[in-house]
Amino acid sequence: MGDSFDGKVQAQSLVDIVAERIEAAIISGALEPGAKLSEQGLAASLGVSRGPLREAIRRLEGRKLLERTPNIGVRVAQLSLVDLNEILQVREALECLACRLAAINMPDAEIAALKKLLDVHEKQKSVRENKGYYQETENLDFHFRIVNGSGNERLAHMLAGDLHYMLRVYRYKSGAQPGRAAQVLNEHRAIVAAIETRDPDAAERAMHEHLRHARRHVEEQLAATGDTEPRVVPKGRTRALG
């Protein structure tokens, strides 16, 4: 009985690890939008069997990071700039509300932890050199913590679900904009300061200003490129981790 229980935990942990590795590759761009996945190649590069890999793929399909097409297979999901702009509009409305609620409901200990998190971010080499601002896991995700600190479970579910995973891909790329890292860190500190003073109006304004910069970048890209459709990956192209 005990051995059987231990085995299930290990098997589930392997799926978690595989899903995290593939998700990280999607977010960083190692697996590009629209790229077709090779199960054989992925299994070989990750050193796992097809079983855990397929379960991890199903999990990432549920997060809308992968999409399956009949007779074609699994590809990395892709968004047009128009799609992304619409998602950012929704995110802006919901996260500003979450930040407002966090100023009211977030426990003092969580606010203190949020301040320490920014100290950790400040020590990242990419941030010190003002070359990039990356948050690789949910435990390091500034926005994720504020959403959870809002005290509104329905709001947290909306922002921590599909929207959260799709936005992580964009945020990794936006965090790599030259010269943006220092500005993002300052904006994050302003948000925490407003939450700490328990000022909902100031917290909402600070978050709105922060997210407005992100959406403005997308709007500038739309104006410059006129891109309204997802990018098309050359036919037959597949990717594996390695």
Protein backbone atom coordinates (compact mmCIF):
# COMPACT_ATOMS: atom_id res chain seq x y z
CA MET A 1 0.00 0.00 0.00
CA GLY A 2 2.75 2.40 1.02
CA ASP A 3 4.89 1.53 -2.02
CA SER A 4 1.97 2.12 -4.36
CA PHE A 5 1.32 5.55 -2.84
CA ASP A 6 4.97 6.56 -3.17
CA GLY A 7 5.00 5.51 -6.82
CA LYS A 8 2.03 7.71 -7.69
CA VAL A 9 3.64 10.76 -6.11
CA GLN A 10 6.83 10.22 -8.10
CA ALA A 11 4.94 9.74 -11.37
CA GLN A 12 2.94 12.93 -10.84
CA SER A 13 6.12 14.84 -9.96
CA LEU A 14 7.69 13.78 -13.24
CA VAL A 15 4.72 15.15 -15.18
CA ASP A 16 5.06 18.42 -13.24
CA ILE A 17 8.75 18.66 -14.15
CA VAL A 18 8.16 17.90 -17.83
CA ALA A 19 5.30 20.42 -18.03
CA GLU A 20 7.48 23.09 -16.37
CA ARG A 21 10.37 22.43 -18.78
CA ILE A 22 8.15 22.72 -21.86
CA GLU A 23 6.38 25.77 -20.47
CA ALA A 24 9.72 27.47 -19.78
CA ALA A 25 10.83 26.72 -23.36
CA ILE A 26 7.62 28.28 -24.72
CA ILE A 27 7.93 31.37 -22.53
CA SER A 28 11.60 31.93 -23.40
CA GLY A 29 10.98 31.41 -27.12
CA ALA A 30 13.06 28.24 -27.39
CA LEU A 31 9.80 26.73 -28.66
CA GLU A 32 8.46 29.37 -31.01
CA PRO A 33 4.79 30.26 -31.57
CA GLY A 34 3.31 27.94 -34.19
CA ALA A 35 6.14 25.40 -34.00
CA LYS A 36 4.99 21.79 -34.29
CA LEU A 37 6.12 19.57 -31.43
CA SER A 38 7.90 16.30 -32.07
CA GLU A 39 6.89 13.92 -29.28
CA GLN A 40 9.79 11.63 -30.13
CA GLY A 41 12.27 14.49 -30.09
CA LEU A 42 10.89 15.96 -26.87
CA ALA A 43 10.92 12.59 -25.11
CA ALA A 44 14.54 12.02 -26.14
CA SER A 45 15.75 15.51 -25.17
CA LEU A 46 13.97 15.39 -21.80
CA GLY A 47 14.92 11.78 -21.11
CA VAL A 48 11.34 10.63 -20.38
CA SER A 49 8.90 8.13 -21.81
CA ARG A 50 5.88 9.07 -23.95
CA GLY A 51 3.43 8.61 -21.03
CA PRO A 52 4.53 11.53 -18.80
CA LEU A 53 5.24 13.64 -21.87
CA ARG A 54 1.73 13.23 -23.25
CA GLU A 55 0.18 14.04 -19.87
CA ALA A 56 2.35 17.19 -19.67
CA ILE A 57 1.27 18.17 -23.19
CA ARG A 58 -2.40 17.72 -22.24
CA ARG A 59 -1.83 19.95 -19.22
CA LEU A 60 -0.29 22.69 -21.37
CA GLU A 61 -3.15 22.37 -23.85
CA GLY A 62 -5.44 23.14 -20.93
CA ARG A 63 -3.39 26.26 -20.22
CA LYS A 64 -3.79 27.30 -23.87
CA LEU A 65 -0.01 27.23 -24.40
CA LEU A 66 -0.28 24.30 -26.81
CA GLU A 67 -3.01 23.52 -29.31
CA ARG A 68 -3.88 20.26 -31.05
CA THR A 69 -5.17 20.14 -34.63
CA PRO A 70 -6.63 16.94 -36.12
CA ASN A 71 -4.32 15.30 -38.69
CA ILE A 72 -1.61 17.85 -37.92
CA GLY A 73 -0.58 17.34 -34.31
CA VAL A 74 0.38 19.63 -31.45
CA ARG A 75 1.74 23.12 -32.02
CA VAL A 76 2.81 25.95 -29.75
CA ALA A 77 -0.12 28.37 -29.50
CA GLN A 78 0.29 31.69 -31.27
CA LEU A 79 -1.44 35.03 -30.82
CA SER A 80 -1.70 37.89 -33.26
CA LEU A 81 -0.91 41.36 -31.93
CA VAL A 82 -4.64 42.10 -32.09
CA ASP A 83 -5.36 39.06 -29.91
CA LEU A 84 -2.66 40.11 -27.47
CA ASN A 85 -3.90 43.67 -27.30
CA GLU A 86 -7.40 42.44 -26.42
CA ILE A 87 -6.00 40.18 -23.69
CA LEU A 88 -3.98 43.08 -22.28
CA GLN A 89 -7.11 45.22 -22.15
CA VAL A 90 -8.86 42.56 -20.09
CA ARG A 91 -5.79 42.10 -17.91
CA GLU A 92 -5.55 45.84 -17.25
CA ALA A 93 -9.12 46.04 -15.99
CA LEU A 94 -8.88 42.96 -13.79
CA GLU A 95 -5.40 43.53 -12.35
CA CYS A 96 -6.17 47.14 -11.45
CA LEU A 97 -9.14 45.83 -9.48
CA ALA A 98 -6.98 43.14 -7.89
CA CYS A 99 -4.41 45.73 -6.85
CA ARG A 100 -7.12 47.94 -5.36
CA LEU A 101 -8.43 45.01 -3.34
CA ALA A 102 -4.90 44.01 -2.28
CA ALA A 103 -4.47 47.44 -0.67
CA ILE A 104 -7.48 46.58 1.47
CA ASN A 105 -7.12 42.85 2.05
CA MET A 106 -3.49 41.77 1.63
CA PRO A 107 -2.00 40.67 4.99
CA ASP A 108 0.95 42.68 6.30
CA ALA A 109 3.19 39.60 6.15
CA GLU A 110 2.44 39.13 2.44
CA ILE A 111 3.18 42.79 1.74
CA ALA A 112 6.52 42.44 3.53
CA ALA A 113 7.25 39.32 1.46
CA LEU A 114 6.39 41.26 -1.70
CA LYS A 115 8.94 43.94 -0.79
CA LYS A 116 11.59 41.27 -0.21
CA LEU A 117 10.70 39.72 -3.57
CA LEU A 118 11.55 43.00 -5.29
CA ASP A 119 14.88 43.06 -3.45
CA VAL A 120 15.56 39.62 -4.97
CA HIS A 121 14.58 40.90 -8.41
CA GLU A 122 16.87 43.91 -8.03
CA LYS A 123 19.85 41.60 -7.51
CA GLN A 124 19.28 39.75 -10.78
CA LYS A 125 22.15 40.38 -13.17
CA SER A 126 19.83 41.26 -16.05
CA VAL A 127 18.05 43.85 -13.89
CA ARG A 128 21.30 45.34 -12.54
CA GLU A 129 22.55 45.76 -16.11
CA ASN A 130 19.11 47.05 -17.21
CA LYS A 131 18.92 44.37 -19.91
CA GLY A 132 15.86 42.37 -18.85
CA TYR A 133 13.37 41.64 -16.09
CA TYR A 134 12.41 37.97 -15.90
CA GLN A 135 10.10 36.19 -13.43
CA GLU A 136 10.43 32.49 -14.15
CA THR A 137 8.00 30.82 -11.72
CA GLU A 138 4.77 31.64 -9.93
CA ASN A 139 6.67 31.92 -6.64
CA LEU A 140 8.70 34.76 -8.14
CA ASP A 141 5.82 36.33 -10.04
CA PHE A 142 5.04 39.80 -8.67
CA HIS A 143 1.62 40.05 -10.31
CA PHE A 144 0.63 36.54 -9.27
CA ARG A 145 1.15 37.42 -5.60
CA ILE A 146 -0.88 40.62 -5.80
CA VAL A 147 -3.75 38.81 -7.47
CA ASN A 148 -3.75 36.18 -4.71
CA GLY A 149 -3.53 38.94 -2.12
CA SER A 150 -6.70 40.58 -3.42
CA GLY A 151 -8.80 38.26 -1.29
CA ASN A 152 -11.22 37.71 -4.19
CA GLU A 153 -11.08 34.06 -5.21
CA ARG A 154 -13.12 34.49 -8.39
CA LEU A 155 -10.89 37.31 -9.56
CA ALA A 156 -7.78 35.30 -8.72
CA HIS A 157 -9.14 32.32 -10.64
CA MET A 158 -9.74 34.46 -13.73
CA LEU A 159 -6.27 36.02 -13.65
CA ALA A 160 -4.33 32.95 -12.54
CA GLY A 161 -5.88 30.67 -15.16
CA ASP A 162 -5.55 30.79 -18.95
CA LEU A 163 -4.93 34.53 -18.95
CA HIS A 164 -1.94 34.15 -16.63
CA TYR A 165 -0.21 31.50 -18.72
CA MET A 166 -0.77 33.25 -22.06
CA LEU A 167 0.49 36.55 -20.66
CA ARG A 168 3.67 34.99 -19.27
CA VAL A 169 4.85 34.41 -22.83
CA TYR A 170 4.34 38.08 -23.68
CA ARG A 171 5.76 39.36 -20.41
CA TYR A 172 9.01 37.44 -20.88
CA LYS A 173 9.49 39.14 -24.22
CA SER A 174 8.47 42.59 -22.98
CA GLY A 175 10.83 42.19 -20.02
CA ALA A 176 13.68 41.78 -22.49
CA GLN A 177 13.22 45.26 -23.97
CA PRO A 178 16.50 47.19 -23.56
CA GLY A 179 16.29 49.80 -20.80
CA ARG A 180 12.89 48.59 -19.54
CA ALA A 181 14.09 46.58 -16.50
CA ALA A 182 14.88 49.55 -14.25
CA GLN A 183 11.60 51.21 -15.14
CA VAL A 184 9.62 48.03 -14.38
CA LEU A 185 11.32 47.64 -11.00
CA ASN A 186 10.50 51.26 -10.08
CA GLU A 187 6.89 50.77 -11.16
CA HIS A 188 6.66 47.61 -9.05
CA ARG A 189 8.03 49.45 -6.02
CA ALA A 190 5.46 52.23 -6.47
CA ILE A 191 2.67 49.63 -6.54
CA VAL A 192 3.90 47.98 -3.33
CA ALA A 193 4.27 51.36 -1.60
CA ALA A 194 0.64 52.19 -2.38
CA ILE A 195 -0.55 48.78 -1.15
CA GLU A 196 1.52 49.15 2.03
CA THR A 197 -0.08 52.51 2.85
CA ARG A 198 -3.51 50.89 2.37
CA ASP A 199 -4.47 53.43 -0.28
CA PRO A 200 -6.74 51.64 -2.81
CA ASP A 201 -6.93 54.63 -5.17
CA ALA A 202 -3.15 55.06 -5.29
CA ALA A 203 -2.63 51.31 -5.71
CA GLU A 204 -5.06 51.18 -8.62
CA ARG A 205 -3.41 54.21 -10.28
CA ALA A 206 0.07 52.73 -9.88
CA MET A 207 -0.99 49.42 -11.42
CA HIS A 208 -2.82 51.19 -14.23
CA GLU A 209 0.29 53.22 -15.07
CA HIS A 210 2.44 50.08 -15.05
CA LEU A 211 0.11 48.06 -17.29
CA ARG A 212 -0.52 51.00 -19.61
CA HIS A 213 3.16 50.96 -20.56
CA ALA A 214 2.92 47.28 -21.47
CA ARG A 215 -0.19 47.78 -23.62
CA ARG A 216 1.26 50.86 -25.29
CA HIS A 217 4.18 48.78 -26.54
CA VAL A 218 1.76 46.38 -28.24
CA GLU A 219 -0.26 49.25 -29.71
CA GLU A 220 2.95 50.73 -31.15
CA GLN A 221 3.74 47.37 -32.75
CA LEU A 222 0.24 47.20 -34.22
CA ALA A 223 0.59 50.67 -35.70
CA ALA A 224 4.03 49.92 -37.09
CA THR A 225 3.36 46.50 -38.60
CA GLY A 226 -0.37 46.35 -39.22
CA ASP A 227 -0.15 42.76 -37.95
CA THR A 228 -3.64 41.35 -37.48
CA GLU A 229 -2.99 37.64 -38.01
CA PRO A 230 -0.87 35.07 -36.17
CA ARG A 231 2.58 34.40 -37.59
CA VAL A 232 2.77 31.32 -39.77
CA VAL A 233 5.56 28.83 -39.16
CA PRO A 234 6.93 27.17 -42.32
CA LYS A 235 5.14 23.92 -43.13
CA GLY A 236 6.71 20.81 -41.64
CA ARG A 237 8.79 22.66 -39.10
CA THR A 238 9.09 20.86 -35.76
CA ARG A 239 10.94 21.61 -32.57
CA ALA A 240 12.37 19.63 -29.69
CA LEU A 241 14.15 20.80 -26.54
CA GLY A 242 17.89 20.66 -26.61
